[in-house]
Amino acid sequence: MKRLIDLFKNKFFLVTIAFAVWMIFLDKDDLYSQYTKHNQVVELEKQRDFLLKETHQVSKDLDELNSNPEKLEKFAREKYLMKKDNEDIFVIVRKKKEE
């Protein structure tokens, strides 16, 4: 017990404890903030990886469309409902079953 009282009378120990409490709980970059920032970084890295994959896929599709006129015609017909002058297009929309 005497040793514990002497420890709390030591100004260096008290300053160290106060500094630790300040840095862990009261600072703007406390442990909770660091945890949330780390989670944000992880989510942003996942999003970046997804977008890089999407960008790669889109650039690959663009190269195919630029090099192959048949693919370009198919893409225009499916995506933008384009047609030749003597054609008629019928769009069939299927309703989803309500559950």
PDB file of N, CA and C in Angstrom:
ATOM      1  N   MET A   1       0.827  -1.188   0.000  1.00  0.00           N
ATOM      2  CA  MET A   1       0.000   0.000   0.000  1.00  0.00           C
ATOM      3  C   MET A   1       0.871   1.251   0.000  1.00  0.00           C
ATOM      4  N   LYS A   2       1.943   1.208   0.766  1.00  0.00           N
ATOM      5  CA  LYS A   2       2.866   2.345   0.840  1.00  0.00           C
ATOM      6  C   LYS A   2       3.485   2.605  -0.531  1.00  0.00           C
ATOM      7  N   ARG A   3       3.807   1.517  -1.232  1.00  0.00           N
ATOM      8  CA  ARG A   3       4.430   1.657  -2.552  1.00  0.00           C
ATOM      9  C   ARG A   3       3.459   2.311  -3.539  1.00  0.00           C
ATOM     10  N   LEU A   4       2.176   1.970  -3.447  1.00  0.00           N
ATOM     11  CA  LEU A   4       1.163   2.544  -4.321  1.00  0.00           C
ATOM     12  C   LEU A   4       0.983   4.035  -4.043  1.00  0.00           C
ATOM     13  N   ILE A   5       1.005   4.418  -2.797  1.00  0.00           N
ATOM     14  CA  ILE A   5       0.891   5.837  -2.435  1.00  0.00           C
ATOM     15  C   ILE A   5       2.107   6.607  -2.935  1.00  0.00           C
ATOM     16  N   ASP A   6       3.285   6.030  -2.783  1.00  0.00           N
ATOM     17  CA  ASP A   6       4.499   6.682  -3.292  1.00  0.00           C
ATOM     18  C   ASP A   6       4.452   6.834  -4.819  1.00  0.00           C
ATOM     19  N   LEU A   7       3.879   5.851  -5.472  1.00  0.00           N
ATOM     20  CA  LEU A   7       3.770   5.908  -6.928  1.00  0.00           C
ATOM     21  C   LEU A   7       2.863   7.058  -7.359  1.00  0.00           C
ATOM     22  N   PHE A   8       1.768   7.283  -6.641  1.00  0.00           N
ATOM     23  CA  PHE A   8       0.857   8.375  -6.989  1.00  0.00           C
ATOM     24  C   PHE A   8       1.394   9.743  -6.577  1.00  0.00           C
ATOM     25  N   LYS A   9       2.355   9.793  -5.716  1.00  0.00           N
ATOM     26  CA  LYS A   9       2.994  11.061  -5.360  1.00  0.00           C
ATOM     27  C   LYS A   9       4.091  11.436  -6.343  1.00  0.00           C
ATOM     28  N   ASN A  10       4.516  10.497  -7.164  1.00  0.00           N
ATOM     29  CA  ASN A  10       5.567  10.750  -8.142  1.00  0.00           C
ATOM     30  C   ASN A  10       4.984  11.567  -9.299  1.00  0.00           C
ATOM     31  N   LYS A  11       5.555  12.764  -9.526  1.00  0.00           N
ATOM     32  CA  LYS A  11       5.004  13.654 -10.548  1.00  0.00           C
ATOM     33  C   LYS A  11       5.219  13.100 -11.955  1.00  0.00           C
ATOM     34  N   PHE A  12       6.275  12.372 -12.197  1.00  0.00           N
ATOM     35  CA  PHE A  12       6.518  11.801 -13.522  1.00  0.00           C
ATOM     36  C   PHE A  12       5.476  10.723 -13.863  1.00  0.00           C
ATOM     37  N   PHE A  13       5.124   9.933 -12.862  1.00  0.00           N
ATOM     38  CA  PHE A  13       4.095   8.919 -13.060  1.00  0.00           C
ATOM     39  C   PHE A  13       2.752   9.574 -13.353  1.00  0.00           C
ATOM     40  N   LEU A  14       2.413  10.610 -12.605  1.00  0.00           N
ATOM     41  CA  LEU A  14       1.139  11.307 -12.811  1.00  0.00           C
ATOM     42  C   LEU A  14       1.080  11.971 -14.181  1.00  0.00           C
ATOM     43  N   VAL A  15       2.192  12.579 -14.599  1.00  0.00           N
ATOM     44  CA  VAL A  15       2.226  13.217 -15.920  1.00  0.00           C
ATOM     45  C   VAL A  15       2.088  12.156 -17.014  1.00  0.00           C
ATOM     46  N   THR A  16       2.738  11.031 -16.824  1.00  0.00           N
ATOM     47  CA  THR A  16       2.637   9.951 -17.812  1.00  0.00           C
ATOM     48  C   THR A  16       1.213   9.418 -17.901  1.00  0.00           C
ATOM     49  N   ILE A  17       0.578   9.216 -16.774  1.00  0.00           N
ATOM     50  CA  ILE A  17      -0.815   8.748 -16.756  1.00  0.00           C
ATOM     51  C   ILE A  17      -1.727   9.790 -17.394  1.00  0.00           C
ATOM     52  N   ALA A  18      -1.542  11.066 -17.045  1.00  0.00           N
ATOM     53  CA  ALA A  18      -2.367  12.125 -17.633  1.00  0.00           C
ATOM     54  C   ALA A  18      -2.173  12.183 -19.148  1.00  0.00           C
ATOM     55  N   PHE A  19      -0.934  12.059 -19.600  1.00  0.00           N
ATOM     56  CA  PHE A  19      -0.658  12.072 -21.036  1.00  0.00           C
ATOM     57  C   PHE A  19      -1.328  10.886 -21.734  1.00  0.00           C
ATOM     58  N   ALA A  20      -1.241   9.703 -21.117  1.00  0.00           N
ATOM     59  CA  ALA A  20      -1.849   8.512 -21.713  1.00  0.00           C
ATOM     60  C   ALA A  20      -3.365   8.653 -21.794  1.00  0.00           C
ATOM     61  N   VAL A  21      -3.985   9.153 -20.729  1.00  0.00           N
ATOM     62  CA  VAL A  21      -5.440   9.363 -20.739  1.00  0.00           C
ATOM     63  C   VAL A  21      -5.810  10.377 -21.809  1.00  0.00           C
ATOM     64  N   TRP A  22      -5.044  11.445 -21.893  1.00  0.00           N
ATOM     65  CA  TRP A  22      -5.315  12.479 -22.902  1.00  0.00           C
ATOM     66  C   TRP A  22      -5.233  11.890 -24.315  1.00  0.00           C
ATOM     67  N   MET A  23      -4.189  11.134 -24.597  1.00  0.00           N
ATOM     68  CA  MET A  23      -3.988  10.607 -25.951  1.00  0.00           C
ATOM     69  C   MET A  23      -4.997   9.511 -26.299  1.00  0.00           C
ATOM     70  N   ILE A  24      -5.394   8.715 -25.312  1.00  0.00           N
ATOM     71  CA  ILE A  24      -6.298   7.602 -25.591  1.00  0.00           C
ATOM     72  C   ILE A  24      -7.752   8.049 -25.676  1.00  0.00           C
ATOM     73  N   PHE A  25      -8.177   8.993 -24.835  1.00  0.00           N
ATOM     74  CA  PHE A  25      -9.595   9.323 -24.751  1.00  0.00           C
ATOM     75  C   PHE A  25      -9.956  10.743 -25.187  1.00  0.00           C
ATOM     76  N   LEU A  26      -9.094  11.722 -24.977  1.00  0.00           N
ATOM     77  CA  LEU A  26      -9.507  13.107 -25.141  1.00  0.00           C
ATOM     78  C   LEU A  26      -8.980  13.793 -26.395  1.00  0.00           C
ATOM     79  N   ASP A  27      -8.002  13.253 -27.046  1.00  0.00           N
ATOM     80  CA  ASP A  27      -7.404  13.885 -28.213  1.00  0.00           C
ATOM     81  C   ASP A  27      -8.327  13.741 -29.421  1.00  0.00           C
ATOM     82  N   LYS A  28      -8.139  14.600 -30.426  1.00  0.00           N
ATOM     83  CA  LYS A  28      -8.978  14.485 -31.626  1.00  0.00           C
ATOM     84  C   LYS A  28      -8.672  13.211 -32.401  1.00  0.00           C
ATOM     85  N   ASP A  29      -7.514  12.629 -32.221  1.00  0.00           N
ATOM     86  CA  ASP A  29      -7.141  11.365 -32.853  1.00  0.00           C
ATOM     87  C   ASP A  29      -7.088  10.247 -31.817  1.00  0.00           C
ATOM     88  N   ASP A  30      -8.155  10.130 -31.014  1.00  0.00           N
ATOM     89  CA  ASP A  30      -8.188   9.105 -29.978  1.00  0.00           C
ATOM     90  C   ASP A  30      -8.389   7.723 -30.603  1.00  0.00           C
ATOM     91  N   LEU A  31      -8.478   6.709 -29.777  1.00  0.00           N
ATOM     92  CA  LEU A  31      -8.579   5.335 -30.268  1.00  0.00           C
ATOM     93  C   LEU A  31      -9.832   5.112 -31.110  1.00  0.00           C
ATOM     94  N   TYR A  32     -10.954   5.666 -30.692  1.00  0.00           N
ATOM     95  CA  TYR A  32     -12.198   5.490 -31.446  1.00  0.00           C
ATOM     96  C   TYR A  32     -12.087   6.126 -32.827  1.00  0.00           C
ATOM     97  N   SER A  33     -11.514   7.315 -32.890  1.00  0.00           N
ATOM     98  CA  SER A  33     -11.335   7.982 -34.183  1.00  0.00           C
ATOM     99  C   SER A  33     -10.401   7.182 -35.077  1.00  0.00           C
ATOM    100  N   GLN A  34      -9.341   6.648 -34.513  1.00  0.00           N
ATOM    101  CA  GLN A  34      -8.419   5.833 -35.298  1.00  0.00           C
ATOM    102  C   GLN A  34      -9.113   4.576 -35.824  1.00  0.00           C
ATOM    103  N   TYR A  35      -9.964   3.979 -35.012  1.00  0.00           N
ATOM    104  CA  TYR A  35     -10.699   2.786 -35.421  1.00  0.00           C
ATOM    105  C   TYR A  35     -11.652   3.103 -36.568  1.00  0.00           C
ATOM    106  N   THR A  36     -12.405   4.189 -36.454  1.00  0.00           N
ATOM    107  CA  THR A  36     -13.340   4.550 -37.522  1.00  0.00           C
ATOM    108  C   THR A  36     -12.601   4.939 -38.796  1.00  0.00           C
ATOM    109  N   LYS A  37     -11.487   5.648 -38.658  1.00  0.00           N
ATOM    110  CA  LYS A  37     -10.707   6.013 -39.847  1.00  0.00           C
ATOM    111  C   LYS A  37     -10.127   4.773 -40.518  1.00  0.00           C
ATOM    112  N   HIS A  38      -9.691   3.814 -39.736  1.00  0.00           N
ATOM    113  CA  HIS A  38      -9.166   2.570 -40.303  1.00  0.00           C
ATOM    114  C   HIS A  38     -10.262   1.834 -41.076  1.00  0.00           C
ATOM    115  N   ASN A  39     -11.467   1.781 -40.506  1.00  0.00           N
ATOM    116  CA  ASN A  39     -12.577   1.132 -41.200  1.00  0.00           C
ATOM    117  C   ASN A  39     -12.922   1.858 -42.496  1.00  0.00           C
ATOM    118  N   GLN A  40     -12.864   3.184 -42.485  1.00  0.00           N
ATOM    119  CA  GLN A  40     -13.118   3.953 -43.704  1.00  0.00           C
ATOM    120  C   GLN A  40     -12.061   3.650 -44.760  1.00  0.00           C
ATOM    121  N   VAL A  41     -10.821   3.544 -44.347  1.00  0.00           N
ATOM    122  CA  VAL A  41      -9.737   3.238 -45.289  1.00  0.00           C
ATOM    123  C   VAL A  41      -9.960   1.865 -45.918  1.00  0.00           C
ATOM    124  N   VAL A  42     -10.350   0.892 -45.109  1.00  0.00           N
ATOM    125  CA  VAL A  42     -10.593  -0.456 -45.624  1.00  0.00           C
ATOM    126  C   VAL A  42     -11.737  -0.434 -46.638  1.00  0.00           C
ATOM    127  N   GLU A  43     -12.822   0.261 -46.310  1.00  0.00           N
ATOM    128  CA  GLU A  43     -13.956   0.343 -47.234  1.00  0.00           C
ATOM    129  C   GLU A  43     -13.568   1.060 -48.521  1.00  0.00           C
ATOM    130  N   LEU A  44     -12.804   2.126 -48.409  1.00  0.00           N
ATOM    131  CA  LEU A  44     -12.382   2.857 -49.604  1.00  0.00           C
ATOM    132  C   LEU A  44     -11.438   2.027 -50.467  1.00  0.00           C
ATOM    133  N   GLU A  45     -10.602   1.221 -49.851  1.00  0.00           N
ATOM    134  CA  GLU A  45      -9.723   0.338 -50.624  1.00  0.00           C
ATOM    135  C   GLU A  45     -10.531  -0.718 -51.365  1.00  0.00           C
ATOM    136  N   LYS A  46     -11.569  -1.254 -50.717  1.00  0.00           N
ATOM    137  CA  LYS A  46     -12.445  -2.212 -51.395  1.00  0.00           C
ATOM    138  C   LYS A  46     -13.138  -1.551 -52.584  1.00  0.00           C
ATOM    139  N   GLN A  47     -13.627  -0.330 -52.359  1.00  0.00           N
ATOM    140  CA  GLN A  47     -14.300   0.398 -53.430  1.00  0.00           C
ATOM    141  C   GLN A  47     -13.328   0.697 -54.572  1.00  0.00           C
ATOM    142  N   ARG A  48     -12.098   1.071 -54.244  1.00  0.00           N
ATOM    143  CA  ARG A  48     -11.086   1.347 -55.263  1.00  0.00           C
ATOM    144  C   ARG A  48     -10.794   0.104 -56.092  1.00  0.00           C
ATOM    145  N   ASP A  49     -10.644  -1.039 -55.418  1.00  0.00           N
ATOM    146  CA  ASP A  49     -10.382  -2.283 -56.138  1.00  0.00           C
ATOM    147  C   ASP A  49     -11.534  -2.630 -57.076  1.00  0.00           C
ATOM    148  N   PHE A  50     -12.760  -2.460 -56.584  1.00  0.00           N
ATOM    149  CA  PHE A  50     -13.928  -2.726 -57.425  1.00  0.00           C
ATOM    150  C   PHE A  50     -13.949  -1.803 -58.637  1.00  0.00           C
ATOM    151  N   LEU A  51     -13.693  -0.524 -58.418  1.00  0.00           N
ATOM    152  CA  LEU A  51     -13.721   0.432 -59.523  1.00  0.00           C
ATOM    153  C   LEU A  51     -12.583   0.194 -60.509  1.00  0.00           C
ATOM    154  N   LEU A  52     -11.432  -0.239 -60.030  1.00  0.00           N
ATOM    155  CA  LEU A  52     -10.339  -0.577 -60.944  1.00  0.00           C
ATOM    156  C   LEU A  52     -10.709  -1.768 -61.829  1.00  0.00           C
ATOM    157  N   LYS A  53     -11.358  -2.767 -61.237  1.00  0.00           N
ATOM    158  CA  LYS A  53     -11.811  -3.912 -62.026  1.00  0.00           C
ATOM    159  C   LYS A  53     -12.846  -3.475 -63.057  1.00  0.00           C
ATOM    160  N   GLU A  54     -13.778  -2.623 -62.636  1.00  0.00           N
ATOM    161  CA  GLU A  54     -14.799  -2.131 -63.561  1.00  0.00           C
ATOM    162  C   GLU A  54     -14.170  -1.324 -64.691  1.00  0.00           C
ATOM    163  N   THR A  55     -13.205  -0.490 -64.370  1.00  0.00           N
ATOM    164  CA  THR A  55     -12.528   0.317 -65.385  1.00  0.00           C
ATOM    165  C   THR A  55     -11.806  -0.580 -66.382  1.00  0.00           C
ATOM    166  N   HIS A  56     -11.161  -1.611 -65.875  1.00  0.00           N
ATOM    167  CA  HIS A  56     -10.469  -2.550 -66.756  1.00  0.00           C
ATOM    168  C   HIS A  56     -11.468  -3.250 -67.680  1.00  0.00           C
ATOM    169  N   GLN A  57     -12.599  -3.670 -67.126  1.00  0.00           N
ATOM    170  CA  GLN A  57     -13.616  -4.352 -67.926  1.00  0.00           C
ATOM    171  C   GLN A  57     -14.199  -3.416 -68.983  1.00  0.00           C
ATOM    172  N   VAL A  58     -14.471  -2.181 -68.620  1.00  0.00           N
ATOM    173  CA  VAL A  58     -15.038  -1.218 -69.566  1.00  0.00           C
ATOM    174  C   VAL A  58     -14.045  -0.904 -70.675  1.00  0.00           C
ATOM    175  N   SER A  59     -12.782  -0.757 -70.336  1.00  0.00           N
ATOM    176  CA  SER A  59     -11.791  -0.477 -71.380  1.00  0.00           C
ATOM    177  C   SER A  59     -11.638  -1.678 -72.315  1.00  0.00           C
ATOM    178  N   LYS A  60     -11.751  -2.883 -71.768  1.00  0.00           N
ATOM    179  CA  LYS A  60     -11.699  -4.086 -72.600  1.00  0.00           C
ATOM    180  C   LYS A  60     -12.906  -4.134 -73.541  1.00  0.00           C
ATOM    181  N   ASP A  61     -14.089  -3.813 -73.011  1.00  0.00           N
ATOM    182  CA  ASP A  61     -15.290  -3.776 -73.846  1.00  0.00           C
ATOM    183  C   ASP A  61     -15.188  -2.702 -74.917  1.00  0.00           C
ATOM    184  N   LEU A  62     -14.627  -1.566 -74.575  1.00  0.00           N
ATOM    185  CA  LEU A  62     -14.463  -0.484 -75.547  1.00  0.00           C
ATOM    186  C   LEU A  62     -13.527  -0.901 -76.672  1.00  0.00           C
ATOM    187  N   ASP A  63     -12.453  -1.574 -76.334  1.00  0.00           N
ATOM    188  CA  ASP A  63     -11.540  -2.071 -77.371  1.00  0.00           C
ATOM    189  C   ASP A  63     -12.246  -3.056 -78.304  1.00  0.00           C
ATOM    190  N   GLU A  64     -13.073  -3.933 -77.710  1.00  0.00           N
ATOM    191  CA  GLU A  64     -13.830  -4.878 -78.536  1.00  0.00           C
ATOM    192  C   GLU A  64     -14.807  -4.154 -79.453  1.00  0.00           C
ATOM    193  N   LEU A  65     -15.488  -3.136 -78.918  1.00  0.00           N
ATOM    194  CA  LEU A  65     -16.456  -2.398 -79.736  1.00  0.00           C
ATOM    195  C   LEU A  65     -15.767  -1.632 -80.854  1.00  0.00           C
ATOM    196  N   ASN A  66     -14.594  -1.098 -80.586  1.00  0.00           N
ATOM    197  CA  ASN A  66     -13.874  -0.348 -81.618  1.00  0.00           C
ATOM    198  C   ASN A  66     -13.289  -1.262 -82.687  1.00  0.00           C
ATOM    199  N   SER A  67     -12.981  -2.496 -82.339  1.00  0.00           N
ATOM    200  CA  SER A  67     -12.320  -3.383 -83.291  1.00  0.00           C
ATOM    201  C   SER A  67     -13.292  -4.291 -84.043  1.00  0.00           C
ATOM    202  N   ASN A  68     -14.469  -4.528 -83.508  1.00  0.00           N
ATOM    203  CA  ASN A  68     -15.394  -5.479 -84.113  1.00  0.00           C
ATOM    204  C   ASN A  68     -16.724  -4.784 -84.426  1.00  0.00           C
ATOM    205  N   PRO A  69     -17.037  -4.531 -85.704  1.00  0.00           N
ATOM    206  CA  PRO A  69     -18.291  -3.847 -86.056  1.00  0.00           C
ATOM    207  C   PRO A  69     -19.534  -4.657 -85.693  1.00  0.00           C
ATOM    208  N   GLU A  70     -19.446  -5.979 -85.701  1.00  0.00           N
ATOM    209  CA  GLU A  70     -20.599  -6.800 -85.323  1.00  0.00           C
ATOM    210  C   GLU A  70     -20.938  -6.608 -83.848  1.00  0.00           C
ATOM    211  N   LYS A  71     -19.920  -6.544 -83.017  1.00  0.00           N
ATOM    212  CA  LYS A  71     -20.142  -6.293 -81.582  1.00  0.00           C
ATOM    213  C   LYS A  71     -20.746  -4.905 -81.364  1.00  0.00           C
ATOM    214  N   LEU A  72     -20.267  -3.927 -82.136  1.00  0.00           N
ATOM    215  CA  LEU A  72     -20.790  -2.567 -82.022  1.00  0.00           C
ATOM    216  C   LEU A  72     -22.262  -2.533 -82.393  1.00  0.00           C
ATOM    217  N   GLU A  73     -22.633  -3.215 -83.465  1.00  0.00           N
ATOM    218  CA  GLU A  73     -24.039  -3.249 -83.881  1.00  0.00           C
ATOM    219  C   GLU A  73     -24.897  -3.939 -82.827  1.00  0.00           C
ATOM    220  N   LYS A  74     -24.410  -5.059 -82.289  1.00  0.00           N
ATOM    221  CA  LYS A  74     -25.143  -5.786 -81.252  1.00  0.00           C
ATOM    222  C   LYS A  74     -25.324  -4.916 -80.009  1.00  0.00           C
ATOM    223  N   PHE A  75     -24.264  -4.222 -79.619  1.00  0.00           N
ATOM    224  CA  PHE A  75     -24.334  -3.342 -78.447  1.00  0.00           C
ATOM    225  C   PHE A  75     -25.350  -2.229 -78.673  1.00  0.00           C
ATOM    226  N   ALA A  76     -25.322  -1.603 -79.855  1.00  0.00           N
ATOM    227  CA  ALA A  76     -26.250  -0.508 -80.146  1.00  0.00           C
ATOM    228  C   ALA A  76     -27.686  -1.005 -80.165  1.00  0.00           C
ATOM    229  N   ARG A  77     -27.914  -2.171 -80.712  1.00  0.00           N
ATOM    230  CA  ARG A  77     -29.271  -2.722 -80.757  1.00  0.00           C
ATOM    231  C   ARG A  77     -29.782  -3.061 -79.359  1.00  0.00           C
ATOM    232  N   GLU A  78     -28.949  -3.677 -78.540  1.00  0.00           N
ATOM    233  CA  GLU A  78     -29.399  -4.106 -77.214  1.00  0.00           C
ATOM    234  C   GLU A  78     -29.498  -2.952 -76.228  1.00  0.00           C
ATOM    235  N   LYS A  79     -28.507  -2.109 -76.219  1.00  0.00           N
ATOM    236  CA  LYS A  79     -28.437  -1.069 -75.192  1.00  0.00           C
ATOM    237  C   LYS A  79     -29.309   0.141 -75.526  1.00  0.00           C
ATOM    238  N   TYR A  80     -29.278   0.576 -76.780  1.00  0.00           N
ATOM    239  CA  TYR A  80     -29.952   1.815 -77.164  1.00  0.00           C
ATOM    240  C   TYR A  80     -31.143   1.586 -78.085  1.00  0.00           C
ATOM    241  N   LEU A  81     -31.537   0.332 -78.285  1.00  0.00           N
ATOM    242  CA  LEU A  81     -32.693  -0.036 -79.094  1.00  0.00           C
ATOM    243  C   LEU A  81     -32.644   0.575 -80.489  1.00  0.00           C
ATOM    244  N   MET A  82     -31.467   0.631 -81.064  1.00  0.00           N
ATOM    245  CA  MET A  82     -31.323   1.142 -82.428  1.00  0.00           C
ATOM    246  C   MET A  82     -31.749   0.060 -83.415  1.00  0.00           C
ATOM    247  N   LYS A  83     -32.195   0.515 -84.599  1.00  0.00           N
ATOM    248  CA  LYS A  83     -32.688  -0.428 -85.592  1.00  0.00           C
ATOM    249  C   LYS A  83     -32.358   0.069 -86.983  1.00  0.00           C
ATOM    250  N   LYS A  84     -32.492  -0.843 -87.933  1.00  0.00           N
ATOM    251  CA  LYS A  84     -32.331  -0.465 -89.328  1.00  0.00           C
ATOM    252  C   LYS A  84     -33.634   0.174 -89.804  1.00  0.00           C
ATOM    253  N   ASP A  85     -33.609   0.827 -90.968  1.00  0.00           N
ATOM    254  CA  ASP A  85     -34.786   1.547 -91.455  1.00  0.00           C
ATOM    255  C   ASP A  85     -35.974   0.632 -91.721  1.00  0.00           C
ATOM    256  N   ASN A  86     -35.755  -0.561 -92.190  1.00  0.00           N
ATOM    257  CA  ASN A  86     -36.867  -1.434 -92.551  1.00  0.00           C
ATOM    258  C   ASN A  86     -37.228  -2.436 -91.447  1.00  0.00           C
ATOM    259  N   GLU A  87     -36.830  -2.188 -90.210  1.00  0.00           N
ATOM    260  CA  GLU A  87     -37.093  -3.108 -89.108  1.00  0.00           C
ATOM    261  C   GLU A  87     -38.070  -2.500 -88.116  1.00  0.00           C
ATOM    262  N   ASP A  88     -38.776  -3.357 -87.428  1.00  0.00           N
ATOM    263  CA  ASP A  88     -39.608  -2.963 -86.298  1.00  0.00           C
ATOM    264  C   ASP A  88     -39.063  -3.667 -85.060  1.00  0.00           C
ATOM    265  N   ILE A  89     -39.108  -2.969 -83.930  1.00  0.00           N
ATOM    266  CA  ILE A  89     -38.602  -3.533 -82.678  1.00  0.00           C
ATOM    267  C   ILE A  89     -39.767  -3.684 -81.714  1.00  0.00           C
ATOM    268  N   PHE A  90     -39.854  -4.831 -81.110  1.00  0.00           N
ATOM    269  CA  PHE A  90     -40.849  -5.086 -80.084  1.00  0.00           C
ATOM    270  C   PHE A  90     -40.103  -5.347 -78.786  1.00  0.00           C
ATOM    271  N   VAL A  91     -40.373  -4.531 -77.787  1.00  0.00           N
ATOM    272  CA  VAL A  91     -39.719  -4.678 -76.489  1.00  0.00           C
ATOM    273  C   VAL A  91     -40.677  -5.405 -75.565  1.00  0.00           C
ATOM    274  N   ILE A  92     -40.225  -6.504 -75.023  1.00  0.00           N
ATOM    275  CA  ILE A  92     -41.042  -7.294 -74.111  1.00  0.00           C
ATOM    276  C   ILE A  92     -40.514  -7.074 -72.700  1.00  0.00           C
ATOM    277  N   VAL A  93     -41.381  -6.545 -71.845  1.00  0.00           N
ATOM    278  CA  VAL A  93     -41.017  -6.301 -70.452  1.00  0.00           C
ATOM    279  C   VAL A  93     -41.756  -7.317 -69.604  1.00  0.00           C
ATOM    280  N   ARG A  94     -41.016  -8.096 -68.878  1.00  0.00           N
ATOM    281  CA  ARG A  94     -41.617  -9.118 -68.027  1.00  0.00           C
ATOM    282  C   ARG A  94     -41.742  -8.579 -66.613  1.00  0.00           C
ATOM    283  N   LYS A  95     -42.908  -8.772 -66.045  1.00  0.00           N
ATOM    284  CA  LYS A  95     -43.139  -8.332 -64.675  1.00  0.00           C
ATOM    285  C   LYS A  95     -42.595  -9.379 -63.716  1.00  0.00           C
ATOM    286  N   LYS A  96     -42.048  -8.904 -62.630  1.00  0.00           N
ATOM    287  CA  LYS A  96     -41.555  -9.814 -61.605  1.00  0.00           C
ATOM    288  C   LYS A  96     -42.732 -10.303 -60.772  1.00  0.00           C
ATOM    289  N   LYS A  97     -42.638 -11.542 -60.338  1.00  0.00           N
ATOM    290  CA  LYS A  97     -43.693 -12.096 -59.499  1.00  0.00           C
ATOM    291  C   LYS A  97     -43.646 -11.444 -58.130  1.00  0.00           C
ATOM    292  N   GLU A  98     -44.817 -11.046 -57.665  1.00  0.00           N
ATOM    293  CA  GLU A  98     -44.888 -10.457 -56.323  1.00  0.00           C
ATOM    294  C   GLU A  98     -44.987 -11.577 -55.306  1.00  0.00           C
ATOM    295  N   GLU A  99     -44.183 -11.468 -54.279  1.00  0.00           N
ATOM    296  CA  GLU A  99     -44.178 -12.509 -53.254  1.00  0.00           C
ATOM    297  C   GLU A  99     -44.718 -11.970 -51.959  1.00  0.00           C
TER     298      GLU A  99
END
